[in-house]
Protein backbone atom coordinates (compact mmCIF):
# COMPACT_ATOMS: atom_id res chain seq x y z
CA MET A 1 -72.16 -6.16 -10.18
CA LYS A 2 -69.74 -8.96 -9.39
CA GLN A 3 -68.57 -9.50 -5.85
CA GLY A 4 -65.22 -7.74 -5.15
CA SER A 5 -65.48 -5.32 -8.08
CA LYS A 6 -65.23 -1.60 -7.50
CA MET A 7 -67.99 0.87 -7.84
CA ALA A 8 -67.75 4.09 -9.80
CA ASP A 9 -66.93 6.12 -6.67
CA GLY A 10 -63.94 3.85 -5.99
CA GLY A 11 -65.47 2.04 -3.01
CA MET A 12 -66.62 -1.55 -2.64
CA PRO A 13 -70.20 -2.50 -3.40
CA GLY A 14 -72.37 -2.16 -0.38
CA CYS A 15 -69.91 0.18 1.41
CA LYS A 16 -70.81 3.71 0.52
CA GLY A 17 -68.09 6.29 1.12
CA SER A 18 -65.33 3.76 1.84
CA PRO A 19 -61.86 4.75 0.55
CA PRO A 20 -60.64 3.16 -2.65
CA ILE A 21 -58.32 0.15 -2.30
CA LEU A 22 -55.47 1.45 -4.45
CA VAL A 23 -52.75 1.61 -1.77
CA ARG A 24 -49.62 -0.39 -2.63
CA ALA A 25 -46.80 -0.75 -0.11
CA PHE A 26 -44.00 -3.05 0.94
CA SER A 27 -44.80 -5.48 3.67
CA LEU A 28 -42.78 -5.52 6.88
CA LEU A 29 -41.20 -8.82 5.80
CA GLU A 30 -40.00 -7.33 2.49
CA VAL A 31 -38.48 -4.33 4.30
CA ALA A 32 -36.71 -6.64 6.78
CA ILE A 33 -35.25 -8.77 3.97
CA ALA A 34 -34.05 -5.69 2.08
CA LEU A 35 -32.38 -4.32 5.22
CA GLY A 36 -30.69 -7.70 5.76
CA VAL A 37 -29.28 -7.72 2.22
CA VAL A 38 -28.02 -4.13 2.50
CA SER A 39 -26.49 -4.82 5.93
CA PHE A 40 -24.69 -7.91 4.61
CA ALA A 41 -23.24 -5.93 1.69
CA LEU A 42 -22.19 -3.06 3.97
CA VAL A 43 -20.41 -5.43 6.39
CA ALA A 44 -18.57 -7.04 3.45
CA VAL A 45 -17.40 -3.65 2.15
CA LEU A 46 -16.30 -2.49 5.61
CA GLY A 47 -14.45 -5.78 6.10
CA ILE A 48 -12.36 -5.21 2.97
CA LEU A 49 -11.51 -1.60 3.89
CA PRO A 50 -8.61 -2.37 6.33
CA ILE A 51 -7.04 -4.71 3.77
CA GLY A 52 -7.08 -1.95 1.17
CA MET A 53 -5.65 0.59 3.60
CA GLY A 54 -2.83 -1.82 4.54
CA ALA A 55 -2.02 -2.44 0.89
CA ALA A 56 -1.91 1.32 0.25
CA SER A 57 0.50 1.78 3.17
CA ASP A 58 2.74 -1.01 1.84
CA VAL A 59 2.84 0.63 -1.58
CA VAL A 60 3.84 3.99 -0.09
CA GLN A 61 6.68 2.38 1.87
CA PHE A 62 7.88 0.34 -1.09
CA THR A 63 7.87 3.46 -3.27
CA ALA A 64 9.92 5.38 -0.69
CA ALA A 65 12.37 2.46 -0.43
CA SER A 66 12.70 2.35 -4.23
CA GLN A 67 13.45 6.07 -4.37
CA ILE A 68 16.07 5.79 -1.62
CA ALA A 69 17.73 2.81 -3.34
CA GLY A 70 17.74 4.75 -6.62
CA ALA A 71 19.30 7.77 -4.93
CA ILE A 72 22.04 5.63 -3.37
CA ASP A 73 22.74 3.96 -6.71
CA CYS A 74 22.89 7.35 -8.45
CA ASP A 75 25.25 8.66 -5.76
CA LEU A 76 27.56 5.68 -6.22
CA ARG A 77 27.51 5.91 -10.02
CA ASN A 78 28.31 9.63 -9.95
CA SER A 79 31.29 9.06 -7.65
CA SER A 80 34.75 8.24 -8.90
CA LEU A 81 36.10 4.97 -7.53
CA THR A 82 39.38 6.77 -6.94
CA ASN A 83 37.68 8.74 -4.12
CA THR A 84 37.32 7.22 -0.67
CA ASN A 85 33.63 8.18 -0.22
CA SER A 86 30.63 8.83 -2.45
CA ALA A 87 29.79 12.46 -3.09
CA PHE A 88 26.36 12.83 -1.46
CA TYR A 89 25.78 10.09 1.13
CA ARG A 90 29.49 9.69 1.99
CA ILE A 91 29.38 5.91 1.39
CA PRO A 92 32.87 4.35 1.67
CA LEU A 93 33.80 3.17 -1.83
CA GLY A 94 36.20 0.46 -0.71
CA GLN A 95 35.34 -3.17 -0.22
CA GLY A 96 32.91 -3.88 2.61
CA THR A 97 29.41 -3.60 4.02
CA ASN A 98 28.03 -0.45 5.63
CA ASP A 99 24.63 0.40 7.09
CA PHE A 100 22.96 3.78 6.55
CA TYR A 101 19.67 5.05 8.00
CA PHE A 102 16.97 7.15 6.34
CA ASP A 103 13.69 8.78 7.35
CA SER A 104 10.48 8.36 5.38
CA LEU A 105 11.39 11.29 3.09
CA GLY A 106 14.74 9.79 2.10
CA ASN A 107 16.91 12.06 4.24
CA THR A 108 19.78 10.54 6.21
CA SER A 109 18.87 9.87 9.80
CA THR A 110 20.12 8.29 13.00
CA ALA A 111 19.38 4.65 13.81
CA ALA A 112 17.00 5.72 16.59
CA THR A 113 14.72 7.83 14.37
CA ALA A 114 15.10 6.03 11.05
CA LYS A 115 12.29 4.43 9.08
CA PHE A 116 14.57 2.64 6.57
CA ARG A 117 17.95 0.93 6.84
CA ALA A 118 20.18 0.63 3.78
CA ARG A 119 22.91 -1.98 3.77
CA VAL A 120 25.39 -1.20 1.01
CA THR A 121 27.87 -3.94 0.12
CA ILE A 122 30.68 -3.22 -2.33
CA ASN A 123 32.60 -6.22 -3.62
CA PRO A 124 35.96 -5.72 -5.33
CA PRO A 125 36.59 -6.62 -8.97
CA VAL A 126 37.03 -10.33 -9.64
CA GLY A 127 39.41 -11.63 -12.29
CA ALA A 128 39.48 -9.62 -15.48
CA VAL A 129 36.43 -7.55 -14.46
CA SER A 130 37.41 -3.93 -13.88
CA GLY A 131 34.46 -2.80 -11.81
CA SER A 132 32.83 -3.40 -8.45
CA TYR A 133 29.61 -5.26 -7.77
CA VAL A 134 27.29 -3.30 -5.46
CA SER A 135 24.35 -4.67 -3.50
CA ILE A 136 21.91 -2.20 -1.94
CA LEU A 137 19.49 -3.78 0.52
CA LEU A 138 16.81 -1.51 1.97
CA ALA A 139 14.81 -2.85 4.91
CA TRP A 140 11.98 -1.34 6.93
CA PRO A 141 11.32 -0.84 9.76
CA ALA A 142 14.93 0.10 10.35
CA GLY A 143 15.23 -1.52 13.77
CA ALA A 144 13.96 -4.96 12.71
CA ALA A 145 16.16 -7.81 11.56
CA ILE A 146 16.32 -7.97 7.78
CA THR A 147 14.86 -11.47 7.77
CA ASN A 148 11.80 -10.21 9.70
CA SER A 149 11.23 -7.00 7.76
CA SER A 150 10.02 -5.86 4.39
CA HIS A 151 12.97 -5.28 2.14
CA LEU A 152 14.08 -4.34 -1.35
CA GLU A 153 17.36 -5.33 -2.95
CA VAL A 154 19.06 -3.57 -5.85
CA ALA A 155 22.16 -4.88 -7.57
CA SER A 156 24.44 -2.57 -9.48
CA PHE A 157 27.86 -2.57 -11.13
CA LEU A 158 30.30 0.31 -10.79
CA SER A 159 32.83 0.72 -13.53
CA PRO A 160 36.05 2.66 -12.91
C-alpha cells in the first residue's frame, strides 16, 4: 500500500481502528471572512433605510399638498365670479392674496395646528382677457417661511 492511502476499514495504514478522514468543514478564517461580508452588506442596507423612509414621508406630504391644491382649484372653478366668496373654502373671489391653513387630511385648520399653508392669489383680468389668473401656493410646514419650506404651486385661470 502507498503511504497516505486509506485502508478498507477507512483508517490509515498502520493505525487500526482510527476514524476515517472524511470530515469536511469551513475553517475559522473562512467563517470570519463570510461574517465580515454579511456584516458589510447589512450595514449598507441599514444605512439606506432612513433615506428611503424620508423619501416616503416626502411623497406622502407632496400627495396631500397636491390633493389640497386640487380641492382649492375645484372650489374656485365651481364658484361664480359674481359671488364674493368661493362655495366651500370661502375664499374671497376679488383681487388679492389670502392665506388658508389645512391639516394633513385636507381639512381647514387654524394657523397654530396646521400642517399646510395655502396662499391663494387672484389677479384681475388684464386687457381683453375676461377671466382671472389664480395662483395657489401650498407650503409645508405651515409655520415656516415659504422660501425655507417645501412647496407646490398651481396656476389656474377662472373664466366668468
